[in-house]
Amino acid sequence: MYRSRTQHQKYLRYLAELGKPETRTDRTCTFCEIRDGDSVFVRTTKYFKIIRNLFPYAIWDYQRVEDHLMIIPIRHTDDLAKLPKDAAAEFVQLLSKYESEGYDIYARSPTSAGRSIEHQHTHLIKCDGRVANSSFYLRKPYFNVAL
């Protein structure tokens, strides 16, 4: 999974801002603040909201990404195991729905070093379905050229 150079640089600036004490608040996290009407908001269910990733991947499984959504619990949690039974059942239904529409599903564990936001979020990634014949990486931030 790789972002375009531009998206990766925006993402790094965003993470740097999150880490500054003057920009942090104790009231909510980034995902908790997303509401209906925000540019990334797609829809809501009883227990979850679906949003577009602000910094979408460009390449996933050596394919170009067409759409990159995320399922986010409305109630702040860092771990799927903490979801109530009804929410867990709805989560599986959402995964099934998006899987049937051709989305790949990806999430990191609460202890993953690569997890940038503590609020649990599951990536829904839809690719163009064409596997690249070749791929190479030039330098960090990785620039992927898929032919």
N, C-alpha and C. Protein backbone atom coordinates (compact mmCIF):
# COMPACT_ATOMS: atom_id res chain seq x y z
N MET A 1 0.84 -1.17 0.00
CA MET A 1 0.00 0.00 0.00
C MET A 1 0.89 1.23 0.00
N TYR A 2 0.62 2.08 -0.94
CA TYR A 2 1.42 3.28 -1.08
C TYR A 2 0.53 4.44 -1.47
N ARG A 3 0.87 5.61 -0.94
CA ARG A 3 0.19 6.83 -1.33
C ARG A 3 1.03 7.48 -2.43
N SER A 4 0.40 8.36 -3.19
CA SER A 4 1.18 9.15 -4.13
C SER A 4 2.11 10.05 -3.32
N ARG A 5 3.15 10.54 -3.93
CA ARG A 5 4.10 11.41 -3.24
C ARG A 5 3.39 12.61 -2.61
N THR A 6 2.49 13.23 -3.37
CA THR A 6 1.76 14.40 -2.87
C THR A 6 0.91 14.04 -1.65
N GLN A 7 0.16 12.94 -1.74
CA GLN A 7 -0.68 12.52 -0.62
C GLN A 7 0.17 12.13 0.58
N HIS A 8 1.31 11.50 0.35
CA HIS A 8 2.18 11.11 1.45
C HIS A 8 2.74 12.34 2.16
N GLN A 9 3.14 13.35 1.42
CA GLN A 9 3.66 14.57 2.04
C GLN A 9 2.57 15.28 2.84
N LYS A 10 1.35 15.33 2.31
CA LYS A 10 0.23 15.92 3.05
C LYS A 10 -0.02 15.14 4.34
N TYR A 11 0.05 13.82 4.23
CA TYR A 11 -0.17 12.95 5.39
C TYR A 11 0.89 13.20 6.46
N LEU A 12 2.14 13.33 6.08
CA LEU A 12 3.21 13.59 7.05
C LEU A 12 3.03 14.95 7.73
N ARG A 13 2.61 15.96 6.97
CA ARG A 13 2.33 17.29 7.57
C ARG A 13 1.17 17.18 8.56
N TYR A 14 0.15 16.43 8.18
CA TYR A 14 -1.02 16.22 9.05
C TYR A 14 -0.60 15.55 10.36
N LEU A 15 0.22 14.51 10.27
CA LEU A 15 0.69 13.82 11.47
C LEU A 15 1.53 14.74 12.34
N ALA A 16 2.35 15.58 11.72
CA ALA A 16 3.16 16.53 12.48
C ALA A 16 2.27 17.51 13.24
N GLU A 17 1.20 17.97 12.59
CA GLU A 17 0.25 18.87 13.26
C GLU A 17 -0.45 18.18 14.43
N LEU A 18 -0.80 16.91 14.25
CA LEU A 18 -1.45 16.16 15.33
C LEU A 18 -0.56 16.07 16.56
N GLY A 19 0.73 16.03 16.34
CA GLY A 19 1.68 15.87 17.45
C GLY A 19 1.99 17.16 18.18
N LYS A 20 1.61 18.32 17.64
CA LYS A 20 1.91 19.59 18.29
C LYS A 20 0.95 19.82 19.45
N PRO A 21 1.47 20.09 20.64
CA PRO A 21 0.60 20.28 21.80
C PRO A 21 -0.43 21.39 21.62
N GLU A 22 -0.06 22.46 20.91
CA GLU A 22 -1.00 23.57 20.75
C GLU A 22 -2.15 23.25 19.82
N THR A 23 -2.03 22.20 19.01
CA THR A 23 -3.12 21.84 18.11
C THR A 23 -3.97 20.70 18.66
N ARG A 24 -3.52 20.07 19.74
CA ARG A 24 -4.26 18.95 20.33
C ARG A 24 -5.29 19.47 21.33
N THR A 25 -6.41 18.81 21.36
CA THR A 25 -7.41 19.12 22.36
C THR A 25 -7.80 17.83 23.06
N ASP A 26 -8.27 17.96 24.27
CA ASP A 26 -8.68 16.78 25.02
C ASP A 26 -10.12 16.38 24.73
N ARG A 27 -10.83 17.22 23.96
CA ARG A 27 -12.25 16.96 23.79
C ARG A 27 -12.56 15.79 22.87
N THR A 28 -11.93 15.69 21.72
CA THR A 28 -12.24 14.60 20.80
C THR A 28 -11.04 14.27 19.92
N CYS A 29 -11.15 13.17 19.21
CA CYS A 29 -10.12 12.81 18.24
C CYS A 29 -10.58 13.25 16.85
N THR A 30 -9.68 13.14 15.90
CA THR A 30 -9.96 13.54 14.52
C THR A 30 -11.19 12.83 13.96
N PHE A 31 -11.29 11.52 14.17
CA PHE A 31 -12.42 10.77 13.62
C PHE A 31 -13.73 11.10 14.34
N CYS A 32 -13.65 11.38 15.63
CA CYS A 32 -14.86 11.72 16.38
C CYS A 32 -15.45 13.05 15.90
N GLU A 33 -14.61 13.93 15.37
CA GLU A 33 -15.07 15.25 14.94
C GLU A 33 -15.76 15.24 13.58
N ILE A 34 -15.62 14.20 12.80
CA ILE A 34 -16.21 14.15 11.46
C ILE A 34 -17.72 14.02 11.57
N ARG A 35 -18.42 14.90 10.84
CA ARG A 35 -19.88 14.96 10.90
C ARG A 35 -20.48 14.96 9.50
N ASP A 36 -21.76 14.69 9.44
CA ASP A 36 -22.51 14.80 8.19
C ASP A 36 -22.31 16.22 7.65
N GLY A 37 -22.01 16.33 6.38
CA GLY A 37 -21.76 17.63 5.78
C GLY A 37 -20.27 17.91 5.57
N ASP A 38 -19.40 17.19 6.29
CA ASP A 38 -17.96 17.32 6.05
C ASP A 38 -17.63 16.73 4.69
N SER A 39 -16.58 17.22 4.06
CA SER A 39 -16.23 16.78 2.71
C SER A 39 -15.91 15.29 2.63
N VAL A 40 -15.45 14.68 3.71
CA VAL A 40 -15.08 13.26 3.67
C VAL A 40 -16.23 12.34 4.08
N PHE A 41 -17.29 12.89 4.63
CA PHE A 41 -18.41 12.09 5.14
C PHE A 41 -19.16 11.43 3.99
N VAL A 42 -19.42 10.12 4.11
CA VAL A 42 -20.19 9.38 3.10
C VAL A 42 -21.57 9.05 3.64
N ARG A 43 -21.62 8.34 4.77
CA ARG A 43 -22.91 7.99 5.37
C ARG A 43 -22.70 7.51 6.79
N THR A 44 -23.82 7.34 7.49
CA THR A 44 -23.76 6.85 8.85
C THR A 44 -24.76 5.71 9.02
N THR A 45 -24.47 4.85 9.97
CA THR A 45 -25.38 3.78 10.36
C THR A 45 -25.64 3.99 11.85
N LYS A 46 -26.25 3.02 12.50
CA LYS A 46 -26.53 3.18 13.92
C LYS A 46 -25.24 3.28 14.75
N TYR A 47 -24.23 2.48 14.40
CA TYR A 47 -23.01 2.42 15.20
C TYR A 47 -21.75 2.92 14.50
N PHE A 48 -21.83 3.19 13.19
CA PHE A 48 -20.63 3.51 12.43
C PHE A 48 -20.86 4.68 11.49
N LYS A 49 -19.74 5.30 11.10
CA LYS A 49 -19.78 6.25 10.00
C LYS A 49 -18.79 5.77 8.94
N ILE A 50 -19.14 6.03 7.70
CA ILE A 50 -18.30 5.69 6.58
C ILE A 50 -17.77 7.02 6.03
N ILE A 51 -16.44 7.09 5.88
CA ILE A 51 -15.84 8.32 5.36
C ILE A 51 -14.85 7.98 4.24
N ARG A 52 -14.51 8.99 3.45
CA ARG A 52 -13.43 8.86 2.48
C ARG A 52 -12.12 9.15 3.21
N ASN A 53 -11.10 8.42 2.87
CA ASN A 53 -9.80 8.65 3.48
C ASN A 53 -9.25 9.98 2.97
N LEU A 54 -8.83 10.85 3.88
CA LEU A 54 -8.24 12.14 3.50
C LEU A 54 -6.96 11.95 2.71
N PHE A 55 -6.25 10.87 2.99
CA PHE A 55 -4.96 10.60 2.36
C PHE A 55 -4.99 9.19 1.75
N PRO A 56 -5.74 9.02 0.67
CA PRO A 56 -5.98 7.68 0.13
C PRO A 56 -4.72 7.04 -0.44
N TYR A 57 -4.70 5.72 -0.40
CA TYR A 57 -3.62 4.97 -1.04
C TYR A 57 -3.78 5.09 -2.54
N ALA A 58 -2.68 5.09 -3.25
CA ALA A 58 -2.70 5.12 -4.71
C ALA A 58 -2.54 3.71 -5.27
N ILE A 59 -1.78 2.87 -4.53
CA ILE A 59 -1.50 1.51 -4.96
C ILE A 59 -1.84 0.55 -3.82
N TRP A 60 -2.54 -0.53 -4.15
CA TRP A 60 -2.87 -1.58 -3.17
C TRP A 60 -2.75 -2.91 -3.90
N ASP A 61 -1.99 -3.83 -3.36
CA ASP A 61 -1.78 -5.12 -4.01
C ASP A 61 -1.37 -4.96 -5.47
N TYR A 62 -0.51 -3.99 -5.72
CA TYR A 62 0.03 -3.71 -7.06
C TYR A 62 -1.04 -3.33 -8.07
N GLN A 63 -2.13 -2.73 -7.59
CA GLN A 63 -3.20 -2.24 -8.45
C GLN A 63 -3.46 -0.78 -8.09
N ARG A 64 -3.97 -0.02 -9.04
CA ARG A 64 -4.35 1.36 -8.75
C ARG A 64 -5.64 1.37 -7.95
N VAL A 65 -5.70 2.25 -6.96
CA VAL A 65 -6.87 2.35 -6.09
C VAL A 65 -7.89 3.29 -6.73
N GLU A 66 -9.12 2.80 -6.86
CA GLU A 66 -10.23 3.61 -7.39
C GLU A 66 -10.95 4.38 -6.29
N ASP A 67 -11.10 3.74 -5.13
CA ASP A 67 -11.85 4.35 -4.03
C ASP A 67 -11.26 3.85 -2.72
N HIS A 68 -11.18 4.75 -1.73
CA HIS A 68 -10.62 4.40 -0.43
C HIS A 68 -11.51 4.99 0.66
N LEU A 69 -12.31 4.11 1.27
CA LEU A 69 -13.22 4.50 2.33
C LEU A 69 -12.72 3.94 3.66
N MET A 70 -13.32 4.38 4.75
CA MET A 70 -13.03 3.81 6.06
C MET A 70 -14.32 3.66 6.85
N ILE A 71 -14.42 2.56 7.61
CA ILE A 71 -15.52 2.35 8.55
C ILE A 71 -14.97 2.75 9.92
N ILE A 72 -15.68 3.65 10.59
CA ILE A 72 -15.23 4.16 11.88
C ILE A 72 -16.36 4.04 12.90
N PRO A 73 -16.10 3.40 14.04
CA PRO A 73 -17.14 3.37 15.08
C PRO A 73 -17.49 4.79 15.52
N ILE A 74 -18.77 5.06 15.68
CA ILE A 74 -19.19 6.39 16.16
C ILE A 74 -18.69 6.60 17.58
N ARG A 75 -18.84 5.57 18.40
CA ARG A 75 -18.33 5.65 19.78
C ARG A 75 -16.82 5.43 19.74
N HIS A 76 -16.07 6.31 20.37
CA HIS A 76 -14.61 6.22 20.34
C HIS A 76 -14.14 4.92 20.98
N THR A 77 -13.38 4.15 20.20
CA THR A 77 -12.76 2.93 20.70
C THR A 77 -11.49 2.69 19.91
N ASP A 78 -10.53 2.03 20.52
CA ASP A 78 -9.29 1.72 19.82
C ASP A 78 -9.22 0.24 19.43
N ASP A 79 -10.26 -0.53 19.77
CA ASP A 79 -10.17 -1.97 19.64
C ASP A 79 -11.53 -2.56 19.25
N LEU A 80 -11.57 -3.37 18.21
CA LEU A 80 -12.82 -4.00 17.79
C LEU A 80 -13.42 -4.89 18.87
N ALA A 81 -12.58 -5.48 19.70
CA ALA A 81 -13.07 -6.37 20.77
C ALA A 81 -13.92 -5.62 21.79
N LYS A 82 -13.82 -4.32 21.83
CA LYS A 82 -14.59 -3.52 22.79
C LYS A 82 -15.96 -3.11 22.27
N LEU A 83 -16.28 -3.49 21.03
CA LEU A 83 -17.59 -3.14 20.47
C LEU A 83 -18.69 -3.94 21.15
N PRO A 84 -19.84 -3.31 21.45
CA PRO A 84 -20.99 -4.07 21.96
C PRO A 84 -21.45 -5.07 20.90
N LYS A 85 -22.19 -6.10 21.31
CA LYS A 85 -22.63 -7.16 20.39
C LYS A 85 -23.38 -6.63 19.17
N ASP A 86 -24.31 -5.69 19.40
CA ASP A 86 -25.08 -5.14 18.28
C ASP A 86 -24.18 -4.41 17.29
N ALA A 87 -23.21 -3.67 17.81
CA ALA A 87 -22.28 -2.95 16.94
C ALA A 87 -21.40 -3.93 16.18
N ALA A 88 -20.95 -4.98 16.84
CA ALA A 88 -20.11 -5.98 16.17
C ALA A 88 -20.88 -6.66 15.04
N ALA A 89 -22.15 -6.95 15.27
CA ALA A 89 -22.98 -7.57 14.23
C ALA A 89 -23.15 -6.61 13.04
N GLU A 90 -23.38 -5.34 13.34
CA GLU A 90 -23.51 -4.35 12.26
C GLU A 90 -22.20 -4.21 11.49
N PHE A 91 -21.08 -4.28 12.19
CA PHE A 91 -19.76 -4.18 11.58
C PHE A 91 -19.57 -5.30 10.54
N VAL A 92 -19.93 -6.52 10.92
CA VAL A 92 -19.80 -7.66 10.01
C VAL A 92 -20.71 -7.46 8.79
N GLN A 93 -21.91 -6.93 9.00
CA GLN A 93 -22.82 -6.66 7.89
C GLN A 93 -22.22 -5.62 6.93
N LEU A 94 -21.61 -4.57 7.50
CA LEU A 94 -20.98 -3.55 6.66
C LEU A 94 -19.82 -4.14 5.86
N LEU A 95 -19.00 -4.94 6.53
CA LEU A 95 -17.88 -5.58 5.83
C LEU A 95 -18.39 -6.44 4.68
N SER A 96 -19.44 -7.20 4.93
CA SER A 96 -20.02 -8.07 3.90
C SER A 96 -20.53 -7.26 2.72
N LYS A 97 -21.20 -6.16 3.02
CA LYS A 97 -21.75 -5.29 1.97
C LYS A 97 -20.63 -4.76 1.08
N TYR A 98 -19.60 -4.19 1.69
CA TYR A 98 -18.53 -3.60 0.90
C TYR A 98 -17.67 -4.66 0.21
N GLU A 99 -17.49 -5.80 0.85
CA GLU A 99 -16.76 -6.89 0.23
C GLU A 99 -17.47 -7.35 -1.05
N SER A 100 -18.80 -7.44 -1.00
CA SER A 100 -19.57 -7.86 -2.16
C SER A 100 -19.52 -6.82 -3.29
N GLU A 101 -19.17 -5.57 -2.94
CA GLU A 101 -19.02 -4.51 -3.94
C GLU A 101 -17.58 -4.42 -4.47
N GLY A 102 -16.72 -5.35 -4.04
CA GLY A 102 -15.36 -5.40 -4.57
C GLY A 102 -14.30 -4.68 -3.76
N TYR A 103 -14.62 -4.30 -2.54
CA TYR A 103 -13.65 -3.61 -1.68
C TYR A 103 -12.81 -4.63 -0.91
N ASP A 104 -11.51 -4.36 -0.83
CA ASP A 104 -10.63 -5.11 0.07
C ASP A 104 -10.75 -4.49 1.45
N ILE A 105 -10.50 -5.27 2.47
CA ILE A 105 -10.69 -4.83 3.85
C ILE A 105 -9.35 -4.91 4.58
N TYR A 106 -9.02 -3.84 5.30
CA TYR A 106 -7.73 -3.79 6.00
C TYR A 106 -7.85 -2.98 7.28
N ALA A 107 -7.31 -3.51 8.36
CA ALA A 107 -7.26 -2.77 9.63
C ALA A 107 -5.98 -3.15 10.37
N ARG A 108 -5.51 -2.23 11.19
CA ARG A 108 -4.33 -2.49 12.02
C ARG A 108 -4.78 -2.76 13.45
N SER A 109 -3.97 -3.53 14.16
CA SER A 109 -4.28 -3.82 15.56
C SER A 109 -4.02 -2.59 16.42
N PRO A 110 -4.61 -2.54 17.61
CA PRO A 110 -4.39 -1.39 18.50
C PRO A 110 -2.93 -1.18 18.87
N THR A 111 -2.11 -2.20 18.80
CA THR A 111 -0.70 -2.08 19.17
C THR A 111 0.23 -1.87 17.98
N SER A 112 -0.31 -1.77 16.78
CA SER A 112 0.50 -1.61 15.57
C SER A 112 1.26 -0.29 15.59
N ALA A 113 2.54 -0.36 15.29
CA ALA A 113 3.38 0.85 15.24
C ALA A 113 2.98 1.74 14.06
N GLY A 114 2.35 1.16 13.03
CA GLY A 114 1.96 1.93 11.86
C GLY A 114 0.62 2.63 11.99
N ARG A 115 -0.05 2.44 13.08
CA ARG A 115 -1.37 3.05 13.29
C ARG A 115 -1.19 4.50 13.71
N SER A 116 -1.72 5.42 12.92
CA SER A 116 -1.49 6.84 13.17
C SER A 116 -2.58 7.49 14.03
N ILE A 117 -3.78 6.91 14.05
CA ILE A 117 -4.88 7.46 14.84
C ILE A 117 -5.38 6.37 15.76
N GLU A 118 -5.55 6.70 17.03
CA GLU A 118 -5.92 5.69 18.03
C GLU A 118 -7.35 5.19 17.90
N HIS A 119 -8.21 5.95 17.26
CA HIS A 119 -9.59 5.53 17.05
C HIS A 119 -9.59 4.40 16.02
N GLN A 120 -10.23 3.27 16.34
CA GLN A 120 -10.25 2.12 15.43
C GLN A 120 -10.85 2.55 14.10
N HIS A 121 -10.25 2.12 13.02
CA HIS A 121 -10.78 2.38 11.69
C HIS A 121 -10.38 1.24 10.77
N THR A 122 -11.30 0.87 9.91
CA THR A 122 -11.08 -0.22 8.97
C THR A 122 -11.12 0.34 7.56
N HIS A 123 -10.07 0.09 6.81
CA HIS A 123 -9.96 0.60 5.45
C HIS A 123 -10.75 -0.28 4.49
N LEU A 124 -11.45 0.36 3.57
CA LEU A 124 -12.16 -0.31 2.48
C LEU A 124 -11.53 0.21 1.19
N ILE A 125 -10.85 -0.67 0.47
CA ILE A 125 -10.06 -0.23 -0.66
C ILE A 125 -10.53 -0.94 -1.92
N LYS A 126 -10.96 -0.15 -2.91
CA LYS A 126 -11.44 -0.72 -4.17
C LYS A 126 -10.40 -0.42 -5.26
N CYS A 127 -9.92 -1.47 -5.88
CA CYS A 127 -8.89 -1.34 -6.91
C CYS A 127 -9.49 -1.46 -8.31
N ASP A 128 -8.67 -1.08 -9.29
CA ASP A 128 -9.15 -1.14 -10.68
C ASP A 128 -9.15 -2.56 -11.25
N GLY A 129 -8.57 -3.52 -10.52
CA GLY A 129 -8.62 -4.92 -10.95
C GLY A 129 -7.55 -5.33 -11.92
N ARG A 130 -6.71 -4.41 -12.33
CA ARG A 130 -5.64 -4.75 -13.26
C ARG A 130 -4.32 -4.80 -12.50
N VAL A 131 -3.70 -5.96 -12.47
CA VAL A 131 -2.42 -6.12 -11.80
C VAL A 131 -1.35 -5.49 -12.67
N ALA A 132 -0.49 -4.68 -12.05
CA ALA A 132 0.59 -4.03 -12.79
C ALA A 132 1.59 -5.08 -13.26
N ASN A 133 2.07 -4.92 -14.48
CA ASN A 133 3.07 -5.85 -15.02
C ASN A 133 4.40 -5.73 -14.29
N SER A 134 4.75 -4.52 -13.91
CA SER A 134 5.98 -4.31 -13.16
C SER A 134 5.81 -3.10 -12.27
N SER A 135 6.64 -3.06 -11.25
CA SER A 135 6.54 -1.99 -10.27
C SER A 135 7.92 -1.77 -9.69
N PHE A 136 8.29 -0.50 -9.49
CA PHE A 136 9.58 -0.24 -8.84
C PHE A 136 9.44 1.00 -7.97
N TYR A 137 10.32 1.11 -7.00
CA TYR A 137 10.28 2.17 -6.01
C TYR A 137 11.57 2.97 -6.11
N LEU A 138 11.45 4.27 -6.20
CA LEU A 138 12.61 5.11 -6.40
C LEU A 138 13.27 5.56 -5.10
N ARG A 139 12.50 6.10 -4.14
CA ARG A 139 13.06 6.56 -2.87
C ARG A 139 11.93 6.91 -1.92
N LYS A 140 12.29 7.11 -0.64
CA LYS A 140 11.28 7.50 0.36
C LYS A 140 10.97 8.98 0.16
N PRO A 141 9.75 9.48 0.34
CA PRO A 141 8.59 8.62 0.45
C PRO A 141 8.45 7.85 -0.86
N TYR A 142 8.13 6.59 -0.73
CA TYR A 142 8.14 5.70 -1.87
C TYR A 142 7.29 6.23 -3.01
N PHE A 143 7.87 6.20 -4.15
CA PHE A 143 7.20 6.60 -5.37
C PHE A 143 7.07 5.34 -6.19
N ASN A 144 5.87 4.93 -6.44
CA ASN A 144 5.63 3.67 -7.12
C ASN A 144 5.21 3.94 -8.55
N VAL A 145 5.88 3.33 -9.49
CA VAL A 145 5.50 3.42 -10.88
C VAL A 145 5.00 2.04 -11.29
N ALA A 146 3.74 1.96 -11.60
CA ALA A 146 3.16 0.68 -12.03
C ALA A 146 2.90 0.75 -13.51
N LEU A 147 3.45 -0.17 -14.24
CA LEU A 147 3.31 -0.19 -15.70
C LEU A 147 2.29 -1.21 -16.15
